[in-house]
């Protein structure tokens, strides 16, 4: 990526999102304050099936959760409580886990 993003940057991001099997959004303090990241998830929303977009929520050492309300529209990847590993939680349905990753 260039030091200063431009139209070519946007084009390259769009191509990468379309080509990718999944769109994973790492919700951090920096990604939530970025001018690009919300645009990227919006673009992915228009190009990917809903079940191919997932949010990876994070929290800082003070327990602050990072993410905006609209991120709750998508499934999220988190640590499983009763099984080992990570799970994909479907937030469109009843909020239960879909499968182990």
C-alpha atoms as a PDB file:
ATOM      1  CA  UNK A   1       0.000   0.000   0.000  1.00  0.00           C
ATOM      2  CA  UNK A   2       1.218   3.500  -0.699  1.00  0.00           C
ATOM      3  CA  UNK A   3       2.068   5.873   2.138  1.00  0.00           C
ATOM      4  CA  UNK A   4      -0.899   8.050   1.154  1.00  0.00           C
ATOM      5  CA  UNK A   5      -3.991   6.080   0.086  1.00  0.00           C
ATOM      6  CA  UNK A   6      -5.572   7.124  -3.192  1.00  0.00           C
ATOM      7  CA  UNK A   7      -7.991   5.889  -5.852  1.00  0.00           C
ATOM      8  CA  UNK A   8      -5.652   3.062  -6.794  1.00  0.00           C
ATOM      9  CA  UNK A   9      -5.603   1.958  -3.151  1.00  0.00           C
ATOM     10  CA  UNK A  10      -9.404   1.822  -3.118  1.00  0.00           C
ATOM     11  CA  UNK A  11      -9.444  -0.154  -6.360  1.00  0.00           C
ATOM     12  CA  UNK A  12      -6.910  -2.684  -5.008  1.00  0.00           C
ATOM     13  CA  UNK A  13      -8.905  -3.108  -1.793  1.00  0.00           C
ATOM     14  CA  UNK A  14     -12.113  -3.685  -3.775  1.00  0.00           C
ATOM     15  CA  UNK A  15     -10.430  -6.325  -5.942  1.00  0.00           C
ATOM     16  CA  UNK A  16      -9.010  -8.100  -2.882  1.00  0.00           C
ATOM     17  CA  UNK A  17     -12.406  -8.135  -1.138  1.00  0.00           C
ATOM     18  CA  UNK A  18     -14.152  -9.566  -4.206  1.00  0.00           C
ATOM     19  CA  UNK A  19     -11.490 -12.273  -4.680  1.00  0.00           C
ATOM     20  CA  UNK A  20     -11.396 -13.362  -1.026  1.00  0.00           C
ATOM     21  CA  UNK A  21     -13.524 -16.286   0.152  1.00  0.00           C
ATOM     22  CA  UNK A  22     -14.268 -14.482   3.443  1.00  0.00           C
ATOM     23  CA  UNK A  23     -14.219 -10.920   4.732  1.00  0.00           C
ATOM     24  CA  UNK A  24     -12.968 -10.838   8.313  1.00  0.00           C
ATOM     25  CA  UNK A  25     -13.057  -7.529  10.161  1.00  0.00           C
ATOM     26  CA  UNK A  26     -10.737  -7.162  13.141  1.00  0.00           C
ATOM     27  CA  UNK A  27     -12.545  -4.648  15.362  1.00  0.00           C
ATOM     28  CA  UNK A  28      -9.836  -2.743  17.232  1.00  0.00           C
ATOM     29  CA  UNK A  29      -9.527   0.813  18.487  1.00  0.00           C
ATOM     30  CA  UNK A  30      -7.519   1.686  15.367  1.00  0.00           C
ATOM     31  CA  UNK A  31      -9.814  -0.031  12.857  1.00  0.00           C
ATOM     32  CA  UNK A  32     -12.869   1.651  14.349  1.00  0.00           C
ATOM     33  CA  UNK A  33     -11.275   5.103  14.064  1.00  0.00           C
ATOM     34  CA  UNK A  34     -10.001   4.433  10.535  1.00  0.00           C
ATOM     35  CA  UNK A  35     -11.602   6.230   7.603  1.00  0.00           C
ATOM     36  CA  UNK A  36     -11.048   3.159   5.415  1.00  0.00           C
ATOM     37  CA  UNK A  37     -12.221   0.226   7.540  1.00  0.00           C
ATOM     38  CA  UNK A  38     -15.928   1.144   7.763  1.00  0.00           C
ATOM     39  CA  UNK A  39     -15.889   1.719   3.991  1.00  0.00           C
ATOM     40  CA  UNK A  40     -14.314  -1.713   3.480  1.00  0.00           C
ATOM     41  CA  UNK A  41     -16.961  -3.546   5.505  1.00  0.00           C
ATOM     42  CA  UNK A  42     -19.675  -1.617   3.680  1.00  0.00           C
ATOM     43  CA  UNK A  43     -18.205  -2.637   0.342  1.00  0.00           C
ATOM     44  CA  UNK A  44     -17.900  -6.256   1.486  1.00  0.00           C
ATOM     45  CA  UNK A  45     -21.543  -6.175   2.593  1.00  0.00           C
ATOM     46  CA  UNK A  46     -22.568  -5.440  -0.981  1.00  0.00           C
ATOM     47  CA  UNK A  47     -20.311  -8.090  -2.539  1.00  0.00           C
ATOM     48  CA  UNK A  48     -20.182 -11.059  -0.154  1.00  0.00           C
ATOM     49  CA  UNK A  49     -22.881 -13.437   1.018  1.00  0.00           C
ATOM     50  CA  UNK A  50     -23.847 -12.548   4.590  1.00  0.00           C
ATOM     51  CA  UNK A  51     -22.456 -15.847   5.893  1.00  0.00           C
ATOM     52  CA  UNK A  52     -19.009 -14.975   4.482  1.00  0.00           C
ATOM     53  CA  UNK A  53     -18.546 -11.825   6.586  1.00  0.00           C
ATOM     54  CA  UNK A  54     -17.420 -12.140  10.194  1.00  0.00           C
ATOM     55  CA  UNK A  55     -16.279  -9.734  12.874  1.00  0.00           C
ATOM     56  CA  UNK A  56     -13.411 -10.519  15.232  1.00  0.00           C
ATOM     57  CA  UNK A  57     -14.147  -8.397  18.312  1.00  0.00           C
ATOM     58  CA  UNK A  58     -11.364  -7.207  20.592  1.00  0.00           C
ATOM     59  CA  UNK A  59     -11.131  -5.566  23.983  1.00  0.00           C
ATOM     60  CA  UNK A  60      -8.287  -3.653  25.570  1.00  0.00           C
ATOM     61  CA  UNK A  61      -6.731  -4.286  29.000  1.00  0.00           C
ATOM     62  CA  UNK A  62      -9.457  -2.152  30.573  1.00  0.00           C
ATOM     63  CA  UNK A  63     -12.293  -4.280  29.154  1.00  0.00           C
ATOM     64  CA  UNK A  64     -13.335  -1.729  26.531  1.00  0.00           C
ATOM     65  CA  UNK A  65     -15.031  -3.529  23.627  1.00  0.00           C
ATOM     66  CA  UNK A  66     -14.300  -2.220  20.147  1.00  0.00           C
ATOM     67  CA  UNK A  67     -17.017  -2.159  17.552  1.00  0.00           C
ATOM     68  CA  UNK A  68     -19.948  -0.078  16.395  1.00  0.00           C
ATOM     69  CA  UNK A  69     -23.580  -1.058  16.534  1.00  0.00           C
ATOM     70  CA  UNK A  70     -23.660  -2.001  12.857  1.00  0.00           C
ATOM     71  CA  UNK A  71     -21.052  -4.695  13.460  1.00  0.00           C
ATOM     72  CA  UNK A  72     -23.724  -6.622  15.362  1.00  0.00           C
ATOM     73  CA  UNK A  73     -25.344  -7.286  11.983  1.00  0.00           C
ATOM     74  CA  UNK A  74     -22.621  -9.817  11.217  1.00  0.00           C
ATOM     75  CA  UNK A  75     -21.521 -13.109  12.684  1.00  0.00           C
ATOM     76  CA  UNK A  76     -18.520 -12.953  14.959  1.00  0.00           C
ATOM     77  CA  UNK A  77     -15.578 -15.159  15.724  1.00  0.00           C
ATOM     78  CA  UNK A  78     -14.835 -15.596  19.397  1.00  0.00           C
ATOM     79  CA  UNK A  79     -13.431 -18.027  21.956  1.00  0.00           C
ATOM     80  CA  UNK A  80     -15.723 -20.945  22.694  1.00  0.00           C
ATOM     81  CA  UNK A  81     -16.879 -21.383  26.273  1.00  0.00           C
ATOM     82  CA  UNK A  82     -17.822 -25.062  26.384  1.00  0.00           C
ATOM     83  CA  UNK A  83     -15.611 -26.468  23.621  1.00  0.00           C
ATOM     84  CA  UNK A  84     -11.999 -25.835  22.742  1.00  0.00           C
ATOM     85  CA  UNK A  85     -11.012 -23.418  20.011  1.00  0.00           C
ATOM     86  CA  UNK A  86     -12.764 -20.625  18.195  1.00  0.00           C
ATOM     87  CA  UNK A  87     -16.377 -20.595  17.052  1.00  0.00           C
ATOM     88  CA  UNK A  88     -18.404 -18.583  14.570  1.00  0.00           C
ATOM     89  CA  UNK A  89     -21.493 -17.107  16.237  1.00  0.00           C
ATOM     90  CA  UNK A  90     -24.460 -16.306  13.995  1.00  0.00           C
ATOM     91  CA  UNK A  91     -25.989 -13.028  15.141  1.00  0.00           C
ATOM     92  CA  UNK A  92     -28.805 -13.086  12.552  1.00  0.00           C
ATOM     93  CA  UNK A  93     -30.347 -16.187  14.054  1.00  0.00           C
ATOM     94  CA  UNK A  94     -30.545 -16.901  17.730  1.00  0.00           C
ATOM     95  CA  UNK A  95     -26.955 -15.962  18.515  1.00  0.00           C
ATOM     96  CA  UNK A  96     -25.747 -19.531  18.913  1.00  0.00           C
ATOM     97  CA  UNK A  97     -22.527 -20.919  17.557  1.00  0.00           C
ATOM     98  CA  UNK A  98     -22.505 -22.162  13.995  1.00  0.00           C
ATOM     99  CA  UNK A  99     -19.378 -24.317  13.965  1.00  0.00           C
ATOM    100  CA  UNK A 100     -15.895 -24.693  15.351  1.00  0.00           C
ATOM    101  CA  UNK A 101     -13.131 -23.112  13.337  1.00  0.00           C
END
